[in-house]
Amino acid sequence: MIAAKSSGAAQAWAFFRAGGVNQVVLRTGDEIGRLEALDLKLWMALAMPTRGVEVDPQTADLLDTDKDGRIRPPEVLAAVRWAREAFADLGLLAQPGSSVPLSAIRRPELLAAARRILADLGKPQAEAISLEDVASKAQLYALMKFNGDGIVPADAAGDEPTRRALEDILGTLGPETDLGGRPGVSRANADA
């Protein structure tokens, strides 16, 4: 065990040695939640590439907030702070699986969004939301003409004059792409 300072109190960390390097052991949500107390000198790496590692590329991209292709400690710590606010128990992060019980979601807006997704998928009584549920809902939103992304495709126009106006804006200012991959007009382009 190695001790690291945490708000004036000693915090014990367990390490293992692999490849000639000491690495911290993170087995519980509590240990993940205390990462801010771990001195950066004790971190295994101060930058990790987002590709070519055993981390899901989409997850790596979410962690890489400055989009430089590397995940650094401040980005990991920001994700831990977000998770601490979002979930009642960080132990979820240490468990295998791709679903979260609704009872574990702390933030009301996230819980409401999860319930809305489940209701839209025909599962209003579900007690957990999975990664597959979220992906399915994203695919459904992408197919909708008015999917809430703020971009209106020309084919969504209800009448001919509106369709022509949208096509004129597209031809003049260029298209923006909506969630479904269709060219459309944003509010900023419509105002311009």
C-alpha atoms as a PDB file:
ATOM      1  CA  MET A   1       0.000   0.000   0.000  1.00  0.00           C
ATOM      2  CA  ILE A   2       1.089   3.557  -0.723  1.00  0.00           C
ATOM      3  CA  ALA A   3      -0.472   6.550   1.035  1.00  0.00           C
ATOM      4  CA  ALA A   4      -1.522   9.678  -0.835  1.00  0.00           C
ATOM      5  CA  LYS A   5      -2.852  12.894   0.719  1.00  0.00           C
ATOM      6  CA  SER A   6      -6.577  13.604   0.376  1.00  0.00           C
ATOM      7  CA  SER A   7      -7.923  16.814   1.958  1.00  0.00           C
ATOM      8  CA  GLY A   8      -5.478  16.635   4.833  1.00  0.00           C
ATOM      9  CA  ALA A   9      -6.115  12.946   5.550  1.00  0.00           C
ATOM     10  CA  ALA A  10      -4.017  10.027   4.338  1.00  0.00           C
ATOM     11  CA  GLN A  11      -5.673   7.913   1.665  1.00  0.00           C
ATOM     12  CA  ALA A  12      -4.386   4.377   1.120  1.00  0.00           C
ATOM     13  CA  TRP A  13      -4.014   3.139  -2.440  1.00  0.00           C
ATOM     14  CA  ALA A  14      -3.175  -0.391  -3.538  1.00  0.00           C
ATOM     15  CA  PHE A  15      -0.749  -0.878  -6.426  1.00  0.00           C
ATOM     16  CA  PHE A  16       0.388  -3.805  -8.526  1.00  0.00           C
ATOM     17  CA  ARG A  17       3.536  -4.086 -10.572  1.00  0.00           C
ATOM     18  CA  ALA A  18       3.315  -4.968 -14.283  1.00  0.00           C
ATOM     19  CA  GLY A  19       5.923  -4.453 -16.966  1.00  0.00           C
ATOM     20  CA  GLY A  20       8.283  -2.856 -14.448  1.00  0.00           C
ATOM     21  CA  VAL A  21       5.743  -0.141 -13.581  1.00  0.00           C
ATOM     22  CA  ASN A  22       3.591   0.319 -10.480  1.00  0.00           C
ATOM     23  CA  GLN A  23      -0.088   0.765 -11.329  1.00  0.00           C
ATOM     24  CA  VAL A  24      -2.939   1.758  -9.031  1.00  0.00           C
ATOM     25  CA  VAL A  25      -5.669  -0.816  -8.437  1.00  0.00           C
ATOM     26  CA  LEU A  26      -9.186   0.493  -9.020  1.00  0.00           C
ATOM     27  CA  ARG A  27     -11.711  -2.162  -7.978  1.00  0.00           C
ATOM     28  CA  THR A  28     -14.545  -0.171  -6.453  1.00  0.00           C
ATOM     29  CA  GLY A  29     -16.594   2.879  -7.289  1.00  0.00           C
ATOM     30  CA  ASP A  30     -15.298   4.512  -4.127  1.00  0.00           C
ATOM     31  CA  GLU A  31     -11.717   4.190  -5.403  1.00  0.00           C
ATOM     32  CA  ILE A  32     -12.729   5.663  -8.762  1.00  0.00           C
ATOM     33  CA  GLY A  33     -14.487   8.506  -6.963  1.00  0.00           C
ATOM     34  CA  ARG A  34     -11.306   9.331  -5.021  1.00  0.00           C
ATOM     35  CA  LEU A  35      -9.040   9.578  -8.087  1.00  0.00           C
ATOM     36  CA  GLU A  36      -8.614  13.329  -7.531  1.00  0.00           C
ATOM     37  CA  ALA A  37      -6.669  12.469  -4.363  1.00  0.00           C
ATOM     38  CA  LEU A  38      -4.129  10.374  -6.295  1.00  0.00           C
ATOM     39  CA  ASP A  39      -0.978  12.396  -6.917  1.00  0.00           C
ATOM     40  CA  LEU A  40      -0.328  12.731 -10.666  1.00  0.00           C
ATOM     41  CA  LYS A  41       3.192  11.365 -10.080  1.00  0.00           C
ATOM     42  CA  LEU A  42       1.536   8.044  -9.261  1.00  0.00           C
ATOM     43  CA  TRP A  43      -0.626   7.866 -12.404  1.00  0.00           C
ATOM     44  CA  MET A  44       0.425   5.133 -14.826  1.00  0.00           C
ATOM     45  CA  ALA A  45       0.204   7.487 -17.814  1.00  0.00           C
ATOM     46  CA  LEU A  46      -0.444  11.189 -18.254  1.00  0.00           C
ATOM     47  CA  ALA A  47      -1.867  10.765 -21.754  1.00  0.00           C
ATOM     48  CA  MET A  48      -3.523   7.824 -23.476  1.00  0.00           C
ATOM     49  CA  PRO A  49      -4.395   7.647 -27.166  1.00  0.00           C
ATOM     50  CA  THR A  50      -8.062   7.330 -28.056  1.00  0.00           C
ATOM     51  CA  ARG A  51      -7.334   4.627 -30.641  1.00  0.00           C
ATOM     52  CA  GLY A  52      -5.392   1.380 -30.510  1.00  0.00           C
ATOM     53  CA  VAL A  53      -6.252   0.690 -26.866  1.00  0.00           C
ATOM     54  CA  GLU A  54      -8.788  -1.599 -25.205  1.00  0.00           C
ATOM     55  CA  VAL A  55     -11.308   1.197 -24.665  1.00  0.00           C
ATOM     56  CA  ASP A  56     -14.422   1.566 -26.781  1.00  0.00           C
ATOM     57  CA  PRO A  57     -13.620   4.318 -29.349  1.00  0.00           C
ATOM     58  CA  GLN A  58     -16.919   6.123 -28.722  1.00  0.00           C
ATOM     59  CA  THR A  59     -16.231   6.185 -24.987  1.00  0.00           C
ATOM     60  CA  ALA A  60     -12.691   7.397 -25.627  1.00  0.00           C
ATOM     61  CA  ASP A  61     -14.040  10.182 -27.848  1.00  0.00           C
ATOM     62  CA  LEU A  62     -16.418  11.293 -25.090  1.00  0.00           C
ATOM     63  CA  LEU A  63     -13.565  11.403 -22.583  1.00  0.00           C
ATOM     64  CA  ASP A  64     -11.328  13.334 -25.015  1.00  0.00           C
ATOM     65  CA  THR A  65     -13.064  16.675 -24.443  1.00  0.00           C
ATOM     66  CA  ASP A  66     -10.441  18.762 -26.279  1.00  0.00           C
ATOM     67  CA  LYS A  67     -10.516  16.340 -29.267  1.00  0.00           C
ATOM     68  CA  ASP A  68      -6.733  16.066 -29.510  1.00  0.00           C
ATOM     69  CA  GLY A  69      -6.752  12.261 -29.775  1.00  0.00           C
ATOM     70  CA  ARG A  70      -5.421  11.787 -26.237  1.00  0.00           C
ATOM     71  CA  ILE A  71      -7.095  11.341 -22.859  1.00  0.00           C
ATOM     72  CA  ARG A  72      -5.343  13.162 -20.043  1.00  0.00           C
ATOM     73  CA  PRO A  73      -5.916  13.143 -16.247  1.00  0.00           C
ATOM     74  CA  PRO A  74      -8.041  16.339 -16.175  1.00  0.00           C
ATOM     75  CA  GLU A  75     -10.421  14.726 -18.691  1.00  0.00           C
ATOM     76  CA  VAL A  76     -10.622  11.525 -16.638  1.00  0.00           C
ATOM     77  CA  LEU A  77     -11.228  13.540 -13.470  1.00  0.00           C
ATOM     78  CA  ALA A  78     -13.954  15.593 -15.195  1.00  0.00           C
ATOM     79  CA  ALA A  79     -15.666  12.343 -16.218  1.00  0.00           C
ATOM     80  CA  VAL A  80     -15.432  11.071 -12.627  1.00  0.00           C
ATOM     81  CA  ARG A  81     -16.970  14.328 -11.315  1.00  0.00           C
ATOM     82  CA  TRP A  82     -19.798  14.009 -13.875  1.00  0.00           C
ATOM     83  CA  ALA A  83     -20.394  10.375 -12.885  1.00  0.00           C
ATOM     84  CA  ARG A  84     -20.392  11.327  -9.205  1.00  0.00           C
ATOM     85  CA  GLU A  85     -23.186  13.846  -9.911  1.00  0.00           C
ATOM     86  CA  ALA A  86     -25.072  11.545 -12.294  1.00  0.00           C
ATOM     87  CA  PHE A  87     -25.133   8.279 -10.334  1.00  0.00           C
ATOM     88  CA  ALA A  88     -26.066   7.472  -6.764  1.00  0.00           C
ATOM     89  CA  ASP A  89     -23.280   4.860  -6.552  1.00  0.00           C
ATOM     90  CA  LEU A  90     -20.042   4.901  -8.538  1.00  0.00           C
ATOM     91  CA  GLY A  91     -19.865   1.152  -7.963  1.00  0.00           C
ATOM     92  CA  LEU A  92     -21.739   0.902 -11.280  1.00  0.00           C
ATOM     93  CA  LEU A  93     -18.544   1.929 -13.040  1.00  0.00           C
ATOM     94  CA  ALA A  94     -16.694  -1.052 -11.613  1.00  0.00           C
ATOM     95  CA  GLN A  95     -19.334  -3.590 -12.668  1.00  0.00           C
ATOM     96  CA  PRO A  96     -19.455  -5.304 -16.042  1.00  0.00           C
ATOM     97  CA  GLY A  97     -22.504  -4.718 -18.187  1.00  0.00           C
ATOM     98  CA  SER A  98     -24.151  -2.202 -20.442  1.00  0.00           C
ATOM     99  CA  SER A  99     -27.216  -1.162 -18.447  1.00  0.00           C
ATOM    100  CA  VAL A 100     -27.952   1.163 -15.559  1.00  0.00           C
ATOM    101  CA  PRO A 101     -30.823   0.672 -13.109  1.00  0.00           C
ATOM    102  CA  LEU A 102     -33.075   3.737 -13.133  1.00  0.00           C
ATOM    103  CA  SER A 103     -32.854   3.778  -9.335  1.00  0.00           C
ATOM    104  CA  ALA A 104     -29.102   4.450  -9.664  1.00  0.00           C
ATOM    105  CA  ILE A 105     -29.540   7.677 -11.658  1.00  0.00           C
ATOM    106  CA  ARG A 106     -29.219  10.674  -9.345  1.00  0.00           C
ATOM    107  CA  ARG A 107     -29.724  13.665 -11.668  1.00  0.00           C
ATOM    108  CA  PRO A 108     -33.434  14.317 -12.323  1.00  0.00           C
ATOM    109  CA  GLU A 109     -32.938  15.429 -15.938  1.00  0.00           C
ATOM    110  CA  LEU A 110     -30.996  12.254 -16.774  1.00  0.00           C
ATOM    111  CA  LEU A 111     -33.638  10.107 -15.106  1.00  0.00           C
ATOM    112  CA  ALA A 112     -36.382  11.906 -17.050  1.00  0.00           C
ATOM    113  CA  ALA A 113     -34.476  11.397 -20.315  1.00  0.00           C
ATOM    114  CA  ALA A 114     -33.961   7.697 -19.568  1.00  0.00           C
ATOM    115  CA  ARG A 115     -37.651   7.239 -18.796  1.00  0.00           C
ATOM    116  CA  ARG A 116     -38.614   9.088 -21.992  1.00  0.00           C
ATOM    117  CA  ILE A 117     -36.343   6.872 -24.096  1.00  0.00           C
ATOM    118  CA  LEU A 118     -37.785   3.727 -22.520  1.00  0.00           C
ATOM    119  CA  ALA A 119     -41.364   4.958 -22.988  1.00  0.00           C
ATOM    120  CA  ASP A 120     -40.690   5.840 -26.643  1.00  0.00           C
ATOM    121  CA  LEU A 121     -39.285   2.333 -27.152  1.00  0.00           C
ATOM    122  CA  GLY A 122     -42.450   0.778 -25.675  1.00  0.00           C
ATOM    123  CA  LYS A 123     -40.799  -0.173 -22.369  1.00  0.00           C
ATOM    124  CA  PRO A 124     -42.324   2.269 -19.862  1.00  0.00           C
ATOM    125  CA  GLN A 125     -42.165  -0.270 -17.010  1.00  0.00           C
ATOM    126  CA  ALA A 126     -38.454  -1.067 -17.480  1.00  0.00           C
ATOM    127  CA  GLU A 127     -36.340  -0.705 -14.371  1.00  0.00           C
ATOM    128  CA  ALA A 128     -33.034  -0.223 -16.220  1.00  0.00           C
ATOM    129  CA  ILE A 129     -31.827   1.467 -19.382  1.00  0.00           C
ATOM    130  CA  SER A 130     -29.213  -0.150 -21.591  1.00  0.00           C
ATOM    131  CA  LEU A 131     -26.714   1.138 -24.084  1.00  0.00           C
ATOM    132  CA  GLU A 132     -28.761  -0.646 -26.748  1.00  0.00           C
ATOM    133  CA  ASP A 133     -31.873   1.318 -25.674  1.00  0.00           C
ATOM    134  CA  VAL A 134     -30.047   4.615 -26.056  1.00  0.00           C
ATOM    135  CA  ALA A 135     -28.582   3.605 -29.436  1.00  0.00           C
ATOM    136  CA  SER A 136     -32.000   2.439 -30.663  1.00  0.00           C
ATOM    137  CA  LYS A 137     -33.571   5.725 -29.657  1.00  0.00           C
ATOM    138  CA  ALA A 138     -30.811   7.710 -31.385  1.00  0.00           C
ATOM    139  CA  GLN A 139     -31.440   5.745 -34.577  1.00  0.00           C
ATOM    140  CA  LEU A 140     -35.190   6.405 -34.322  1.00  0.00           C
ATOM    141  CA  TYR A 141     -34.612  10.137 -33.803  1.00  0.00           C
ATOM    142  CA  ALA A 142     -32.320  10.225 -36.819  1.00  0.00           C
ATOM    143  CA  LEU A 143     -35.102   8.868 -39.039  1.00  0.00           C
ATOM    144  CA  MET A 144     -37.684  11.442 -37.928  1.00  0.00           C
ATOM    145  CA  LYS A 145     -38.222  14.570 -40.056  1.00  0.00           C
ATOM    146  CA  PHE A 146     -38.462  16.748 -36.954  1.00  0.00           C
ATOM    147  CA  ASN A 147     -36.040  15.033 -34.604  1.00  0.00           C
ATOM    148  CA  GLY A 148     -35.197  17.979 -32.358  1.00  0.00           C
ATOM    149  CA  ASP A 149     -31.667  18.525 -33.673  1.00  0.00           C
ATOM    150  CA  GLY A 150     -32.481  22.052 -34.890  1.00  0.00           C
ATOM    151  CA  ILE A 151     -31.926  21.282 -38.572  1.00  0.00           C
ATOM    152  CA  VAL A 152     -34.917  21.099 -40.898  1.00  0.00           C
ATOM    153  CA  PRO A 153     -34.463  19.063 -44.089  1.00  0.00           C
ATOM    154  CA  ALA A 154     -36.153  20.431 -47.228  1.00  0.00           C
ATOM    155  CA  ASP A 155     -38.240  17.264 -47.520  1.00  0.00           C
ATOM    156  CA  ALA A 156     -39.840  18.111 -44.159  1.00  0.00           C
ATOM    157  CA  ALA A 157     -41.606  21.171 -45.589  1.00  0.00           C
ATOM    158  CA  GLY A 158     -45.371  20.981 -45.310  1.00  0.00           C
ATOM    159  CA  ASP A 159     -46.080  22.964 -48.465  1.00  0.00           C
ATOM    160  CA  GLU A 160     -44.432  23.943 -51.758  1.00  0.00           C
ATOM    161  CA  PRO A 161     -43.514  27.573 -50.873  1.00  0.00           C
ATOM    162  CA  THR A 162     -41.788  26.431 -47.672  1.00  0.00           C
ATOM    163  CA  ARG A 163     -39.922  23.681 -49.526  1.00  0.00           C
ATOM    164  CA  ARG A 164     -38.718  26.206 -52.156  1.00  0.00           C
ATOM    165  CA  ALA A 165     -37.605  28.614 -49.407  1.00  0.00           C
ATOM    166  CA  LEU A 166     -35.635  25.851 -47.695  1.00  0.00           C
ATOM    167  CA  GLU A 167     -34.048  24.839 -51.012  1.00  0.00           C
ATOM    168  CA  ASP A 168     -33.117  28.489 -51.707  1.00  0.00           C
ATOM    169  CA  ILE A 169     -31.416  28.756 -48.319  1.00  0.00           C
ATOM    170  CA  LEU A 170     -29.605  25.446 -48.941  1.00  0.00           C
ATOM    171  CA  GLY A 171     -28.449  26.664 -52.367  1.00  0.00           C
ATOM    172  CA  THR A 172     -27.283  30.035 -51.038  1.00  0.00           C
ATOM    173  CA  LEU A 173     -25.709  29.224 -47.671  1.00  0.00           C
ATOM    174  CA  GLY A 174     -25.046  25.519 -48.064  1.00  0.00           C
ATOM    175  CA  PRO A 175     -26.504  22.636 -46.111  1.00  0.00           C
ATOM    176  CA  GLU A 176     -26.019  21.485 -42.574  1.00  0.00           C
ATOM    177  CA  THR A 177     -26.438  17.808 -41.789  1.00  0.00           C
ATOM    178  CA  ASP A 178     -29.194  16.599 -39.471  1.00  0.00           C
ATOM    179  CA  LEU A 179     -29.049  13.522 -37.220  1.00  0.00           C
ATOM    180  CA  GLY A 180     -30.397  11.381 -40.059  1.00  0.00           C
ATOM    181  CA  GLY A 181     -27.603  12.504 -42.403  1.00  0.00           C
ATOM    182  CA  ARG A 182     -29.927  14.644 -44.547  1.00  0.00           C
ATOM    183  CA  PRO A 183     -29.030  18.165 -45.733  1.00  0.00           C
ATOM    184  CA  GLY A 184     -31.081  20.819 -44.001  1.00  0.00           C
ATOM    185  CA  VAL A 185     -31.382  24.366 -42.734  1.00  0.00           C
ATOM    186  CA  SER A 186     -30.529  25.530 -39.221  1.00  0.00           C
ATOM    187  CA  ARG A 187     -32.119  28.481 -37.419  1.00  0.00           C
ATOM    188  CA  ALA A 188     -28.958  30.542 -37.959  1.00  0.00           C
ATOM    189  CA  ASN A 189     -29.082  29.943 -41.729  1.00  0.00           C
ATOM    190  CA  ALA A 190     -32.807  30.656 -41.838  1.00  0.00           C
ATOM    191  CA  ASP A 191     -32.245  33.956 -39.988  1.00  0.00           C
ATOM    192  CA  ALA A 192     -29.373  34.865 -42.336  1.00  0.00           C
END
